Amino acid sequence: MVEIALLSNRKYMKLQPHLTIFIQLSNPKAILKKNLRNFSCLSTGDTIMINHIDEMFFINILETKPGPAICLIGTDCDAEFSTPLDYKEPEKPAKVEQNAPAEVQKKEIETASV
């Protein structure tokens, strides 16, 4: 089905990569800019595929402003990355009791004096 939409010249989009590794690449915005040349427009809710060094990355378009669709032809876009779909909070290291070695020494001394 073909739909007709009036597209804004203003360029803003909020993106959500599927993989954290995409935002860890040396310059993800430059990679994105290069690959966006393959698209004439984007809409909120789209998922695009970007190829970088023979690896495919999927990216969700979470938001476009000022409307639900933007034209990409001949202009730059402001892009903001959201938390990737596969992101997991790093585990916090377990607290190590600072007094533990002194307590162990105290118990050893008490045991030795019995």
C-alpha atoms as a PDB file:
ATOM      1  CA  MET A   1       0.000   0.000   0.000  1.00  0.00           C
ATOM      2  CA  VAL A   2       1.327   3.455  -0.885  1.00  0.00           C
ATOM      3  CA  GLU A   3       0.696   6.359   1.470  1.00  0.00           C
ATOM      4  CA  ILE A   4       1.205  10.051   0.793  1.00  0.00           C
ATOM      5  CA  ALA A   5       2.609  12.165   3.621  1.00  0.00           C
ATOM      6  CA  LEU A   6       3.677  15.795   3.952  1.00  0.00           C
ATOM      7  CA  LEU A   7       7.277  15.651   5.217  1.00  0.00           C
ATOM      8  CA  SER A   8       8.938  18.328   7.312  1.00  0.00           C
ATOM      9  CA  ASN A   9      12.323  19.860   6.451  1.00  0.00           C
ATOM     10  CA  ARG A  10      13.334  19.826  10.115  1.00  0.00           C
ATOM     11  CA  LYS A  11      15.495  16.856  10.939  1.00  0.00           C
ATOM     12  CA  TYR A  12      15.487  15.199  14.354  1.00  0.00           C
ATOM     13  CA  MET A  13      15.227  11.548  15.175  1.00  0.00           C
ATOM     14  CA  LYS A  14      15.620   9.396  18.251  1.00  0.00           C
ATOM     15  CA  LEU A  15      17.120   6.008  17.463  1.00  0.00           C
ATOM     16  CA  GLN A  16      17.356   2.719  19.336  1.00  0.00           C
ATOM     17  CA  PRO A  17      19.979   0.253  18.109  1.00  0.00           C
ATOM     18  CA  HIS A  18      19.133  -3.398  18.658  1.00  0.00           C
ATOM     19  CA  LEU A  19      22.740  -4.153  19.688  1.00  0.00           C
ATOM     20  CA  THR A  20      24.914  -2.276  22.180  1.00  0.00           C
ATOM     21  CA  ILE A  21      27.943  -2.976  20.010  1.00  0.00           C
ATOM     22  CA  PHE A  22      26.667  -0.414  17.470  1.00  0.00           C
ATOM     23  CA  ILE A  23      27.059   2.529  19.863  1.00  0.00           C
ATOM     24  CA  GLN A  24      30.459   1.159  20.917  1.00  0.00           C
ATOM     25  CA  LEU A  25      31.826   1.485  17.367  1.00  0.00           C
ATOM     26  CA  SER A  26      34.452   4.198  16.906  1.00  0.00           C
ATOM     27  CA  ASN A  27      32.024   6.756  15.416  1.00  0.00           C
ATOM     28  CA  PRO A  28      28.427   5.486  15.257  1.00  0.00           C
ATOM     29  CA  LYS A  29      26.988   8.844  14.145  1.00  0.00           C
ATOM     30  CA  ALA A  30      29.324   8.955  11.119  1.00  0.00           C
ATOM     31  CA  ILE A  31      28.380   5.369  10.246  1.00  0.00           C
ATOM     32  CA  LEU A  32      24.715   6.293  10.585  1.00  0.00           C
ATOM     33  CA  LYS A  33      25.130   9.426   8.435  1.00  0.00           C
ATOM     34  CA  LYS A  34      26.839   7.446   5.667  1.00  0.00           C
ATOM     35  CA  ASN A  35      24.102   4.799   5.658  1.00  0.00           C
ATOM     36  CA  LEU A  36      21.198   7.251   5.840  1.00  0.00           C
ATOM     37  CA  ARG A  37      22.078   8.298   2.287  1.00  0.00           C
ATOM     38  CA  ASN A  38      20.283   5.106   1.263  1.00  0.00           C
ATOM     39  CA  PHE A  39      16.964   6.393   2.651  1.00  0.00           C
ATOM     40  CA  SER A  40      14.800   9.218   1.328  1.00  0.00           C
ATOM     41  CA  CYS A  41      12.541   9.432   4.382  1.00  0.00           C
ATOM     42  CA  LEU A  42      11.999   7.870   7.794  1.00  0.00           C
ATOM     43  CA  SER A  43       8.931   7.487   9.962  1.00  0.00           C
ATOM     44  CA  THR A  44       8.437   6.945  13.663  1.00  0.00           C
ATOM     45  CA  GLY A  45       8.067   3.195  14.177  1.00  0.00           C
ATOM     46  CA  ASP A  46      10.333   2.196  11.269  1.00  0.00           C
ATOM     47  CA  THR A  47      13.206  -0.239  11.720  1.00  0.00           C
ATOM     48  CA  ILE A  48      16.153   0.275   9.391  1.00  0.00           C
ATOM     49  CA  MET A  49      19.139  -1.933   8.634  1.00  0.00           C
ATOM     50  CA  ILE A  50      22.643  -0.471   8.467  1.00  0.00           C
ATOM     51  CA  ASN A  51      25.620  -2.287   6.983  1.00  0.00           C
ATOM     52  CA  HIS A  52      29.058  -1.625   8.447  1.00  0.00           C
ATOM     53  CA  ILE A  53      32.096  -3.743   7.538  1.00  0.00           C
ATOM     54  CA  ASP A  54      29.924  -6.693   6.484  1.00  0.00           C
ATOM     55  CA  GLU A  55      27.919  -6.591   9.717  1.00  0.00           C
ATOM     56  CA  MET A  56      24.222  -5.741   9.769  1.00  0.00           C
ATOM     57  CA  PHE A  57      22.777  -3.535  12.503  1.00  0.00           C
ATOM     58  CA  PHE A  58      19.058  -2.964  13.035  1.00  0.00           C
ATOM     59  CA  ILE A  59      17.921   0.377  14.416  1.00  0.00           C
ATOM     60  CA  ASN A  60      14.425   1.385  15.523  1.00  0.00           C
ATOM     61  CA  ILE A  61      13.203   4.905  14.770  1.00  0.00           C
ATOM     62  CA  LEU A  62      11.574   5.853  18.078  1.00  0.00           C
ATOM     63  CA  GLU A  63      10.753   9.465  17.306  1.00  0.00           C
ATOM     64  CA  THR A  64      10.931  12.012  14.498  1.00  0.00           C
ATOM     65  CA  LYS A  65      10.239  15.713  14.867  1.00  0.00           C
ATOM     66  CA  PRO A  66       8.237  17.740  14.285  1.00  0.00           C
ATOM     67  CA  GLY A  67       5.979  15.114  12.731  1.00  0.00           C
ATOM     68  CA  PRO A  68       5.751  11.347  12.371  1.00  0.00           C
ATOM     69  CA  ALA A  69       7.863  11.363   9.162  1.00  0.00           C
ATOM     70  CA  ILE A  70      10.901  13.310   7.928  1.00  0.00           C
ATOM     71  CA  CYS A  71      12.538  13.766   4.537  1.00  0.00           C
ATOM     72  CA  LEU A  72      16.284  12.986   4.473  1.00  0.00           C
ATOM     73  CA  ILE A  73      17.135  14.241   0.991  1.00  0.00           C
ATOM     74  CA  GLY A  74      19.845  16.907   0.845  1.00  0.00           C
ATOM     75  CA  THR A  75      20.025  17.851   4.528  1.00  0.00           C
ATOM     76  CA  ASP A  76      21.661  16.786   7.769  1.00  0.00           C
ATOM     77  CA  CYS A  77      19.810  15.228  10.681  1.00  0.00           C
ATOM     78  CA  ASP A  78      20.218  15.586  14.412  1.00  0.00           C
ATOM     79  CA  ALA A  79      20.225  12.102  15.885  1.00  0.00           C
ATOM     80  CA  GLU A  80      20.000  10.976  19.477  1.00  0.00           C
ATOM     81  CA  PHE A  81      20.580   7.391  20.581  1.00  0.00           C
ATOM     82  CA  SER A  82      18.367   5.686  23.123  1.00  0.00           C
ATOM     83  CA  THR A  83      19.402   2.680  25.215  1.00  0.00           C
ATOM     84  CA  PRO A  84      19.991  -0.336  22.931  1.00  0.00           C
ATOM     85  CA  LEU A  85      17.502  -3.200  23.108  1.00  0.00           C
ATOM     86  CA  ASP A  86      20.093  -5.700  24.385  1.00  0.00           C
ATOM     87  CA  TYR A  87      21.655  -3.381  26.994  1.00  0.00           C
ATOM     88  CA  LYS A  88      22.078  -4.812  30.470  1.00  0.00           C
ATOM     89  CA  GLU A  89      23.099  -2.811  33.532  1.00  0.00           C
ATOM     90  CA  PRO A  90      26.601  -3.754  34.664  1.00  0.00           C
ATOM     91  CA  GLU A  91      26.546  -5.797  37.841  1.00  0.00           C
ATOM     92  CA  LYS A  92      27.673  -3.909  40.909  1.00  0.00           C
ATOM     93  CA  PRO A  93      30.619  -5.533  42.672  1.00  0.00           C
ATOM     94  CA  ALA A  94      29.762  -7.114  46.011  1.00  0.00           C
ATOM     95  CA  LYS A  95      30.682  -4.971  49.002  1.00  0.00           C
ATOM     96  CA  VAL A  96      33.808  -6.165  50.741  1.00  0.00           C
ATOM     97  CA  GLU A  97      33.760  -5.591  54.457  1.00  0.00           C
ATOM     98  CA  GLN A  98      36.731  -3.464  55.413  1.00  0.00           C
ATOM     99  CA  ASN A  99      36.854  -4.846  58.946  1.00  0.00           C
ATOM    100  CA  ALA A 100      36.916  -8.475  57.879  1.00  0.00           C
ATOM    101  CA  PRO A 101      40.720  -8.995  58.104  1.00  0.00           C
ATOM    102  CA  ALA A 102      40.867  -7.478  61.626  1.00  0.00           C
ATOM    103  CA  GLU A 103      38.004  -9.701  62.797  1.00  0.00           C
ATOM    104  CA  VAL A 104      39.750 -12.765  61.421  1.00  0.00           C
ATOM    105  CA  GLN A 105      42.950 -11.790  63.238  1.00  0.00           C
ATOM    106  CA  LYS A 106      41.021 -11.222  66.484  1.00  0.00           C
ATOM    107  CA  LYS A 107      39.411 -14.673  66.253  1.00  0.00           C
ATOM    108  CA  GLU A 108      42.788 -16.255  65.551  1.00  0.00           C
ATOM    109  CA  ILE A 109      44.283 -14.588  68.651  1.00  0.00           C
ATOM    110  CA  GLU A 110      41.330 -15.685  70.821  1.00  0.00           C
ATOM    111  CA  THR A 111      41.663 -19.254  69.537  1.00  0.00           C
ATOM    112  CA  ALA A 112      45.413 -19.302  70.203  1.00  0.00           C
ATOM    113  CA  SER A 113      45.031 -18.125  73.815  1.00  0.00           C
ATOM    114  CA  VAL A 114      42.566 -20.873  74.793  1.00  0.00           C
END
